Amino acid sequence: MAFGDVVRARRTELAIGLNDLAERMGISPGYWSRIERNLDRPPSDEVVQRAAAILGIPLDALFVEAERLPPDMRKDMGRVVLAYRRLRSMRAG
């Protein structure tokens, strides 16, 4: 599922209106509507973090849906890549 689909499904499940959610996140409803319809790329890290908190979605899971690493992992990219490679080689072996 794409980022917009995930956040829309969760928002709907929680019965939060699009306008209410956008207001709580401090962004325009039109912008958030474009995100939910996958017409815009996933938002900034800060907005992803606010959405995760409001919608009760695990932060790492929402960054995965946004197809990018969480900010703390990006700061340590070398170790993240090495850990991933080690894990993949252990599974293959």
PDB file of N, CA and C in Angstrom:
ATOM      1  N   MET A   1       0.837  -1.181   0.000  1.00  0.00           N
ATOM      2  CA  MET A   1       0.000   0.000   0.000  1.00  0.00           C
ATOM      3  C   MET A   1       0.883   1.247   0.000  1.00  0.00           C
ATOM      4  N   ALA A   2       0.472   2.277  -0.679  1.00  0.00           N
ATOM      5  CA  ALA A   2       1.231   3.524  -0.733  1.00  0.00           C
ATOM      6  C   ALA A   2       0.991   4.339   0.543  1.00  0.00           C
ATOM      7  N   PHE A   3       1.888   5.282   0.803  1.00  0.00           N
ATOM      8  CA  PHE A   3       1.822   6.123   1.994  1.00  0.00           C
ATOM      9  C   PHE A   3       0.431   6.728   2.176  1.00  0.00           C
ATOM     10  N   GLY A   4      -0.082   7.363   1.134  1.00  0.00           N
ATOM     11  CA  GLY A   4      -1.386   8.013   1.223  1.00  0.00           C
ATOM     12  C   GLY A   4      -2.499   7.043   1.578  1.00  0.00           C
ATOM     13  N   ASP A   5      -2.446   5.851   1.009  1.00  0.00           N
ATOM     14  CA  ASP A   5      -3.459   4.836   1.305  1.00  0.00           C
ATOM     15  C   ASP A   5      -3.425   4.425   2.778  1.00  0.00           C
ATOM     16  N   VAL A   6      -2.213   4.291   3.317  1.00  0.00           N
ATOM     17  CA  VAL A   6      -2.048   3.874   4.718  1.00  0.00           C
ATOM     18  C   VAL A   6      -2.608   4.923   5.659  1.00  0.00           C
ATOM     19  N   VAL A   7      -2.239   6.189   5.445  1.00  0.00           N
ATOM     20  CA  VAL A   7      -2.711   7.224   6.372  1.00  0.00           C
ATOM     21  C   VAL A   7      -4.210   7.472   6.212  1.00  0.00           C
ATOM     22  N   ARG A   8      -4.717   7.383   4.995  1.00  0.00           N
ATOM     23  CA  ARG A   8      -6.162   7.574   4.799  1.00  0.00           C
ATOM     24  C   ARG A   8      -6.944   6.453   5.488  1.00  0.00           C
ATOM     25  N   ALA A   9      -6.490   5.213   5.323  1.00  0.00           N
ATOM     26  CA  ALA A   9      -7.179   4.082   5.952  1.00  0.00           C
ATOM     27  C   ALA A   9      -7.200   4.228   7.470  1.00  0.00           C
ATOM     28  N   ARG A  10      -6.081   4.617   8.034  1.00  0.00           N
ATOM     29  CA  ARG A  10      -6.006   4.766   9.493  1.00  0.00           C
ATOM     30  C   ARG A  10      -6.860   5.941   9.969  1.00  0.00           C
ATOM     31  N   ARG A  11      -6.814   7.060   9.257  1.00  0.00           N
ATOM     32  CA  ARG A  11      -7.613   8.234   9.615  1.00  0.00           C
ATOM     33  C   ARG A  11      -9.096   7.874   9.586  1.00  0.00           C
ATOM     34  N   THR A  12      -9.508   7.149   8.560  1.00  0.00           N
ATOM     35  CA  THR A  12     -10.901   6.727   8.419  1.00  0.00           C
ATOM     36  C   THR A  12     -11.287   5.768   9.539  1.00  0.00           C
ATOM     37  N   GLU A  13     -10.394   4.836   9.832  1.00  0.00           N
ATOM     38  CA  GLU A  13     -10.633   3.867  10.914  1.00  0.00           C
ATOM     39  C   GLU A  13     -10.853   4.579  12.250  1.00  0.00           C
ATOM     40  N   LEU A  14     -10.113   5.665  12.473  1.00  0.00           N
ATOM     41  CA  LEU A  14     -10.226   6.425  13.729  1.00  0.00           C
ATOM     42  C   LEU A  14     -11.344   7.464  13.686  1.00  0.00           C
ATOM     43  N   ALA A  15     -12.029   7.566  12.539  1.00  0.00           N
ATOM     44  CA  ALA A  15     -13.116   8.537  12.347  1.00  0.00           C
ATOM     45  C   ALA A  15     -12.645   9.971  12.580  1.00  0.00           C
ATOM     46  N   ILE A  16     -11.454  10.273  12.060  1.00  0.00           N
ATOM     47  CA  ILE A  16     -10.923  11.635  12.117  1.00  0.00           C
ATOM     48  C   ILE A  16     -11.146  12.253  10.748  1.00  0.00           C
ATOM     49  N   GLY A  17     -11.770  13.409  10.717  1.00  0.00           N
ATOM     50  CA  GLY A  17     -11.992  14.094   9.444  1.00  0.00           C
ATOM     51  C   GLY A  17     -10.687  14.617   8.870  1.00  0.00           C
ATOM     52  N   LEU A  18     -10.635  14.697   7.561  1.00  0.00           N
ATOM     53  CA  LEU A  18      -9.434  15.184   6.889  1.00  0.00           C
ATOM     54  C   LEU A  18      -9.087  16.593   7.362  1.00  0.00           C
ATOM     55  N   ASN A  19     -10.067  17.483   7.440  1.00  0.00           N
ATOM     56  CA  ASN A  19      -9.812  18.851   7.885  1.00  0.00           C
ATOM     57  C   ASN A  19      -9.297  18.887   9.314  1.00  0.00           C
ATOM     58  N   ASP A  20      -9.874  18.052  10.176  1.00  0.00           N
ATOM     59  CA  ASP A  20      -9.439  17.990  11.571  1.00  0.00           C
ATOM     60  C   ASP A  20      -7.993  17.516  11.668  1.00  0.00           C
ATOM     61  N   LEU A  21      -7.675  16.468  10.932  1.00  0.00           N
ATOM     62  CA  LEU A  21      -6.303  15.945  10.968  1.00  0.00           C
ATOM     63  C   LEU A  21      -5.318  16.988  10.460  1.00  0.00           C
ATOM     64  N   ALA A  22      -5.636  17.613   9.343  1.00  0.00           N
ATOM     65  CA  ALA A  22      -4.741  18.626   8.780  1.00  0.00           C
ATOM     66  C   ALA A  22      -4.526  19.763   9.773  1.00  0.00           C
ATOM     67  N   GLU A  23      -5.587  20.195  10.419  1.00  0.00           N
ATOM     68  CA  GLU A  23      -5.460  21.271  11.407  1.00  0.00           C
ATOM     69  C   GLU A  23      -4.568  20.847  12.563  1.00  0.00           C
ATOM     70  N   ARG A  24      -4.769  19.634  13.045  1.00  0.00           N
ATOM     71  CA  ARG A  24      -3.949  19.129  14.156  1.00  0.00           C
ATOM     72  C   ARG A  24      -2.478  19.017  13.768  1.00  0.00           C
ATOM     73  N   MET A  25      -2.212  18.780  12.485  1.00  0.00           N
ATOM     74  CA  MET A  25      -0.830  18.663  12.025  1.00  0.00           C
ATOM     75  C   MET A  25      -0.243  20.005  11.601  1.00  0.00           C
ATOM     76  N   GLY A  26      -1.088  21.029  11.494  1.00  0.00           N
ATOM     77  CA  GLY A  26      -0.602  22.346  11.118  1.00  0.00           C
ATOM     78  C   GLY A  26      -0.318  22.492   9.632  1.00  0.00           C
ATOM     79  N   ILE A  27      -1.071  21.770   8.805  1.00  0.00           N
ATOM     80  CA  ILE A  27      -0.897  21.862   7.353  1.00  0.00           C
ATOM     81  C   ILE A  27      -2.267  22.105   6.710  1.00  0.00           C
ATOM     82  N   SER A  28      -2.265  22.441   5.441  1.00  0.00           N
ATOM     83  CA  SER A  28      -3.532  22.723   4.766  1.00  0.00           C
ATOM     84  C   SER A  28      -4.262  21.424   4.429  1.00  0.00           C
ATOM     85  N   PRO A  29      -5.587  21.448   4.514  1.00  0.00           N
ATOM     86  CA  PRO A  29      -6.365  20.262   4.150  1.00  0.00           C
ATOM     87  C   PRO A  29      -6.150  19.858   2.686  1.00  0.00           C
ATOM     88  N   GLY A  30      -6.001  20.839   1.805  1.00  0.00           N
ATOM     89  CA  GLY A  30      -5.777  20.536   0.393  1.00  0.00           C
ATOM     90  C   GLY A  30      -4.489  19.759   0.175  1.00  0.00           C
ATOM     91  N   TYR A  31      -3.441  20.184   0.871  1.00  0.00           N
ATOM     92  CA  TYR A  31      -2.152  19.484   0.772  1.00  0.00           C
ATOM     93  C   TYR A  31      -2.299  18.051   1.289  1.00  0.00           C
ATOM     94  N   TRP A  32      -2.941  17.884   2.452  1.00  0.00           N
ATOM     95  CA  TRP A  32      -3.079  16.545   3.012  1.00  0.00           C
ATOM     96  C   TRP A  32      -3.956  15.665   2.124  1.00  0.00           C
ATOM     97  N   SER A  33      -4.958  16.253   1.514  1.00  0.00           N
ATOM     98  CA  SER A  33      -5.805  15.500   0.595  1.00  0.00           C
ATOM     99  C   SER A  33      -4.982  14.969  -0.582  1.00  0.00           C
ATOM    100  N   ARG A  34      -4.093  15.799  -1.099  1.00  0.00           N
ATOM    101  CA  ARG A  34      -3.224  15.348  -2.210  1.00  0.00           C
ATOM    102  C   ARG A  34      -2.316  14.214  -1.748  1.00  0.00           C
ATOM    103  N   ILE A  35      -1.833  14.308  -0.524  1.00  0.00           N
ATOM    104  CA  ILE A  35      -0.987  13.230   0.030  1.00  0.00           C
ATOM    105  C   ILE A  35      -1.793  11.932   0.094  1.00  0.00           C
ATOM    106  N   GLU A  36      -2.991  12.012   0.661  1.00  0.00           N
ATOM    107  CA  GLU A  36      -3.810  10.803   0.823  1.00  0.00           C
ATOM    108  C   GLU A  36      -4.218  10.196  -0.515  1.00  0.00           C
ATOM    109  N   ARG A  37      -4.307  11.011  -1.531  1.00  0.00           N
ATOM    110  CA  ARG A  37      -4.672  10.489  -2.855  1.00  0.00           C
ATOM    111  C   ARG A  37      -3.430  10.125  -3.663  1.00  0.00           C
ATOM    112  N   ASN A  38      -2.273  10.149  -3.030  1.00  0.00           N
ATOM    113  CA  ASN A  38      -0.991   9.801  -3.651  1.00  0.00           C
ATOM    114  C   ASN A  38      -0.681  10.669  -4.870  1.00  0.00           C
ATOM    115  N   LEU A  39      -1.132  11.929  -4.817  1.00  0.00           N
ATOM    116  CA  LEU A  39      -0.836  12.875  -5.888  1.00  0.00           C
ATOM    117  C   LEU A  39       0.414  13.688  -5.568  1.00  0.00           C
ATOM    118  N   ASP A  40       0.824  13.638  -4.317  1.00  0.00           N
ATOM    119  CA  ASP A  40       2.020  14.327  -3.854  1.00  0.00           C
ATOM    120  C   ASP A  40       2.909  13.306  -3.173  1.00  0.00           C
ATOM    121  N   ARG A  41       4.197  13.575  -3.161  1.00  0.00           N
ATOM    122  CA  ARG A  41       5.132  12.696  -2.452  1.00  0.00           C
ATOM    123  C   ARG A  41       4.834  12.729  -0.960  1.00  0.00           C
ATOM    124  N   PRO A  42       5.257  11.713  -0.226  1.00  0.00           N
ATOM    125  CA  PRO A  42       5.085  11.775   1.228  1.00  0.00           C
ATOM    126  C   PRO A  42       5.698  13.060   1.784  1.00  0.00           C
ATOM    127  N   PRO A  43       5.119  13.586   2.844  1.00  0.00           N
ATOM    128  CA  PRO A  43       5.547  14.884   3.372  1.00  0.00           C
ATOM    129  C   PRO A  43       6.898  14.833   4.078  1.00  0.00           C
ATOM    130  N   SER A  44       7.286  15.984   4.613  1.00  0.00           N
ATOM    131  CA  SER A  44       8.553  16.118   5.336  1.00  0.00           C
ATOM    132  C   SER A  44       8.595  15.182   6.540  1.00  0.00           C
ATOM    133  N   ASP A  45       9.801  14.953   7.038  1.00  0.00           N
ATOM    134  CA  ASP A  45       9.969  14.092   8.207  1.00  0.00           C
ATOM    135  C   ASP A  45       9.110  14.557   9.379  1.00  0.00           C
ATOM    136  N   GLU A  46       9.059  15.869   9.599  1.00  0.00           N
ATOM    137  CA  GLU A  46       8.297  16.407  10.718  1.00  0.00           C
ATOM    138  C   GLU A  46       6.807  16.086  10.583  1.00  0.00           C
ATOM    139  N   VAL A  47       6.284  16.208   9.382  1.00  0.00           N
ATOM    140  CA  VAL A  47       4.866  15.918   9.162  1.00  0.00           C
ATOM    141  C   VAL A  47       4.606  14.416   9.280  1.00  0.00           C
ATOM    142  N   VAL A  48       5.521  13.594   8.789  1.00  0.00           N
ATOM    143  CA  VAL A  48       5.388  12.143   8.952  1.00  0.00           C
ATOM    144  C   VAL A  48       5.348  11.809  10.447  1.00  0.00           C
ATOM    145  N   GLN A  49       6.213  12.428  11.230  1.00  0.00           N
ATOM    146  CA  GLN A  49       6.253  12.170  12.668  1.00  0.00           C
ATOM    147  C   GLN A  49       4.961  12.601  13.351  1.00  0.00           C
ATOM    148  N   ARG A  50       4.423  13.763  12.982  1.00  0.00           N
ATOM    149  CA  ARG A  50       3.161  14.223  13.575  1.00  0.00           C
ATOM    150  C   ARG A  50       2.020  13.290  13.190  1.00  0.00           C
ATOM    151  N   ALA A  51       1.977  12.871  11.921  1.00  0.00           N
ATOM    152  CA  ALA A  51       0.926  11.969  11.463  1.00  0.00           C
ATOM    153  C   ALA A  51       0.993  10.647  12.227  1.00  0.00           C
ATOM    154  N   ALA A  52       2.190  10.114  12.393  1.00  0.00           N
ATOM    155  CA  ALA A  52       2.356   8.850  13.127  1.00  0.00           C
ATOM    156  C   ALA A  52       1.840   8.981  14.550  1.00  0.00           C
ATOM    157  N   ALA A  53       2.171  10.084  15.205  1.00  0.00           N
ATOM    158  CA  ALA A  53       1.739  10.289  16.588  1.00  0.00           C
ATOM    159  C   ALA A  53       0.221  10.410  16.689  1.00  0.00           C
ATOM    160  N   ILE A  54      -0.378  11.189  15.817  1.00  0.00           N
ATOM    161  CA  ILE A  54      -1.827  11.411  15.864  1.00  0.00           C
ATOM    162  C   ILE A  54      -2.590  10.152  15.476  1.00  0.00           C
ATOM    163  N   LEU A  55      -2.107   9.461  14.464  1.00  0.00           N
ATOM    164  CA  LEU A  55      -2.818   8.289  13.950  1.00  0.00           C
ATOM    165  C   LEU A  55      -2.465   6.986  14.665  1.00  0.00           C
ATOM    166  N   GLY A  56      -1.462   7.045  15.546  1.00  0.00           N
ATOM    167  CA  GLY A  56      -1.075   5.842  16.281  1.00  0.00           C
ATOM    168  C   GLY A  56      -0.420   4.790  15.406  1.00  0.00           C
ATOM    169  N   ILE A  57       0.316   5.247  14.411  1.00  0.00           N
ATOM    170  CA  ILE A  57       1.048   4.342  13.525  1.00  0.00           C
ATOM    171  C   ILE A  57       2.497   4.321  13.990  1.00  0.00           C
ATOM    172  N   PRO A  58       3.112   3.152  14.146  1.00  0.00           N
ATOM    173  CA  PRO A  58       4.523   3.126  14.539  1.00  0.00           C
ATOM    174  C   PRO A  58       5.369   3.965  13.574  1.00  0.00           C
ATOM    175  N   LEU A  59       6.231   4.793  14.138  1.00  0.00           N
ATOM    176  CA  LEU A  59       7.015   5.736  13.343  1.00  0.00           C
ATOM    177  C   LEU A  59       7.834   5.048  12.262  1.00  0.00           C
ATOM    178  N   ASP A  60       8.535   3.984  12.612  1.00  0.00           N
ATOM    179  CA  ASP A  60       9.345   3.289  11.607  1.00  0.00           C
ATOM    180  C   ASP A  60       8.477   2.750  10.476  1.00  0.00           C
ATOM    181  N   ALA A  61       7.312   2.227  10.821  1.00  0.00           N
ATOM    182  CA  ALA A  61       6.412   1.687   9.800  1.00  0.00           C
ATOM    183  C   ALA A  61       5.959   2.783   8.839  1.00  0.00           C
ATOM    184  N   LEU A  62       5.689   3.983   9.363  1.00  0.00           N
ATOM    185  CA  LEU A  62       5.236   5.061   8.483  1.00  0.00           C
ATOM    186  C   LEU A  62       6.373   5.567   7.608  1.00  0.00           C
ATOM    187  N   PHE A  63       7.594   5.580   8.129  1.00  0.00           N
ATOM    188  CA  PHE A  63       8.728   5.954   7.275  1.00  0.00           C
ATOM    189  C   PHE A  63       8.954   4.913   6.186  1.00  0.00           C
ATOM    190  N   VAL A  64       8.737   3.656   6.493  1.00  0.00           N
ATOM    191  CA  VAL A  64       8.847   2.614   5.470  1.00  0.00           C
ATOM    192  C   VAL A  64       7.817   2.878   4.374  1.00  0.00           C
ATOM    193  N   GLU A  65       6.592   3.214   4.751  1.00  0.00           N
ATOM    194  CA  GLU A  65       5.560   3.527   3.759  1.00  0.00           C
ATOM    195  C   GLU A  65       5.941   4.753   2.931  1.00  0.00           C
ATOM    196  N   ALA A  66       6.681   5.675   3.540  1.00  0.00           N
ATOM    197  CA  ALA A  66       7.158   6.864   2.819  1.00  0.00           C
ATOM    198  C   ALA A  66       8.375   6.544   1.958  1.00  0.00           C
ATOM    199  N   GLU A  67       8.845   5.302   2.053  1.00  0.00           N
ATOM    200  CA  GLU A  67       9.996   4.805   1.302  1.00  0.00           C
ATOM    201  C   GLU A  67      11.281   5.573   1.590  1.00  0.00           C
ATOM    202  N   ARG A  68      11.478   5.835   2.896  1.00  0.00           N
ATOM    203  CA  ARG A  68      12.751   6.422   3.314  1.00  0.00           C
ATOM    204  C   ARG A  68      13.055   6.025   4.755  1.00  0.00           C
ATOM    205  N   LEU A  69      14.331   6.110   5.084  1.00  0.00           N
ATOM    206  CA  LEU A  69      14.760   5.766   6.431  1.00  0.00           C
ATOM    207  C   LEU A  69      14.364   6.863   7.409  1.00  0.00           C
ATOM    208  N   PRO A  70      14.094   6.498   8.651  1.00  0.00           N
ATOM    209  CA  PRO A  70      13.861   7.511   9.675  1.00  0.00           C
ATOM    210  C   PRO A  70      15.111   8.377   9.833  1.00  0.00           C
ATOM    211  N   PRO A  71      14.950   9.631  10.255  1.00  0.00           N
ATOM    212  CA  PRO A  71      16.094  10.557  10.349  1.00  0.00           C
ATOM    213  C   PRO A  71      17.257  10.021  11.172  1.00  0.00           C
ATOM    214  N   ASP A  72      16.980   9.341  12.293  1.00  0.00           N
ATOM    215  CA  ASP A  72      18.080   8.853  13.121  1.00  0.00           C
ATOM    216  C   ASP A  72      18.906   7.797  12.392  1.00  0.00           C
ATOM    217  N   MET A  73      18.285   7.011  11.532  1.00  0.00           N
ATOM    218  CA  MET A  73      19.026   6.002  10.774  1.00  0.00           C
ATOM    219  C   MET A  73      19.823   6.634   9.642  1.00  0.00           C
ATOM    220  N   ARG A  74      19.298   7.694   9.059  1.00  0.00           N
ATOM    221  CA  ARG A  74      20.022   8.374   7.980  1.00  0.00           C
ATOM    222  C   ARG A  74      21.328   8.964   8.487  1.00  0.00           C
ATOM    223  N   LYS A  75      21.342   9.359   9.759  1.00  0.00           N
ATOM    224  CA  LYS A  75      22.553   9.941  10.338  1.00  0.00           C
ATOM    225  C   LYS A  75      23.649   8.895  10.518  1.00  0.00           C
ATOM    226  N   ASP A  76      23.263   7.637  10.522  1.00  0.00           N
ATOM    227  CA  ASP A  76      24.217   6.544  10.727  1.00  0.00           C
ATOM    228  C   ASP A  76      24.123   5.565   9.558  1.00  0.00           C
ATOM    229  N   MET A  77      24.079   6.106   8.356  1.00  0.00           N
ATOM    230  CA  MET A  77      23.839   5.324   7.145  1.00  0.00           C
ATOM    231  C   MET A  77      24.834   4.170   6.985  1.00  0.00           C
ATOM    232  N   GLY A  78      26.088   4.399   7.284  1.00  0.00           N
ATOM    233  CA  GLY A  78      27.091   3.347   7.125  1.00  0.00           C
ATOM    234  C   GLY A  78      26.760   2.108   7.932  1.00  0.00           C
ATOM    235  N   ARG A  79      26.422   2.290   9.188  1.00  0.00           N
ATOM    236  CA  ARG A  79      26.080   1.142  10.041  1.00  0.00           C
ATOM    237  C   ARG A  79      24.779   0.479   9.609  1.00  0.00           C
ATOM    238  N   VAL A  80      23.831   1.272   9.154  1.00  0.00           N
ATOM    239  CA  VAL A  80      22.559   0.719   8.698  1.00  0.00           C
ATOM    240  C   VAL A  80      22.795  -0.209   7.506  1.00  0.00           C
ATOM    241  N   VAL A  81      23.595   0.243   6.560  1.00  0.00           N
ATOM    242  CA  VAL A  81      23.881  -0.566   5.373  1.00  0.00           C
ATOM    243  C   VAL A  81      24.630  -1.843   5.765  1.00  0.00           C
ATOM    244  N   LEU A  82      25.628  -1.713   6.625  1.00  0.00           N
ATOM    245  CA  LEU A  82      26.378  -2.898   7.059  1.00  0.00           C
ATOM    246  C   LEU A  82      25.479  -3.892   7.793  1.00  0.00           C
ATOM    247  N   ALA A  83      24.606  -3.406   8.668  1.00  0.00           N
ATOM    248  CA  ALA A  83      23.690  -4.294   9.395  1.00  0.00           C
ATOM    249  C   ALA A  83      22.748  -5.001   8.429  1.00  0.00           C
ATOM    250  N   TYR A  84      22.256  -4.272   7.457  1.00  0.00           N
ATOM    251  CA  TYR A  84      21.363  -4.858   6.457  1.00  0.00           C
ATOM    252  C   TYR A  84      22.090  -5.951   5.672  1.00  0.00           C
ATOM    253  N   ARG A  85      23.303  -5.662   5.224  1.00  0.00           N
ATOM    254  CA  ARG A  85      24.068  -6.651   4.450  1.00  0.00           C
ATOM    255  C   ARG A  85      24.353  -7.901   5.273  1.00  0.00           C
ATOM    256  N   ARG A  86      24.716  -7.707   6.540  1.00  0.00           N
ATOM    257  CA  ARG A  86      24.979  -8.871   7.404  1.00  0.00           C
ATOM    258  C   ARG A  86      23.731  -9.718   7.572  1.00  0.00           C
ATOM    259  N   LEU A  87      22.607  -9.082   7.825  1.00  0.00           N
ATOM    260  CA  LEU A  87      21.352  -9.800   7.989  1.00  0.00           C
ATOM    261  C   LEU A  87      20.989 -10.573   6.732  1.00  0.00           C
ATOM    262  N   ARG A  88      21.125  -9.940   5.584  1.00  0.00           N
ATOM    263  CA  ARG A  88      20.812 -10.609   4.303  1.00  0.00           C
ATOM    264  C   ARG A  88      21.733 -11.810   4.089  1.00  0.00           C
ATOM    265  N   SER A  89      23.018 -11.669   4.411  1.00  0.00           N
ATOM    266  CA  SER A  89      23.940 -12.788   4.189  1.00  0.00           C
ATOM    267  C   SER A  89      23.644 -13.938   5.151  1.00  0.00           C
ATOM    268  N   MET A  90      23.210 -13.645   6.359  1.00  0.00           N
ATOM    269  CA  MET A  90      22.864 -14.697   7.318  1.00  0.00           C
ATOM    270  C   MET A  90      21.618 -15.447   6.856  1.00  0.00           C
ATOM    271  N   ARG A  91      20.674 -14.762   6.270  1.00  0.00           N
ATOM    272  CA  ARG A  91      19.450 -15.400   5.776  1.00  0.00           C
ATOM    273  C   ARG A  91      19.732 -16.249   4.541  1.00  0.00           C
ATOM    274  N   ALA A  92      20.679 -15.806   3.713  1.00  0.00           N
ATOM    275  CA  ALA A  92      21.001 -16.533   2.496  1.00  0.00           C
ATOM    276  C   ALA A  92      21.848 -17.775   2.799  1.00  0.00           C
ATOM    277  N   GLY A  93      22.585 -17.718   3.887  1.00  0.00           N
ATOM    278  CA  GLY A  93      23.510 -18.805   4.195  1.00  0.00           C
ATOM    279  C   GLY A  93      22.897 -19.879   4.958  1.00  0.00           C
TER     280      GLY A  93
END
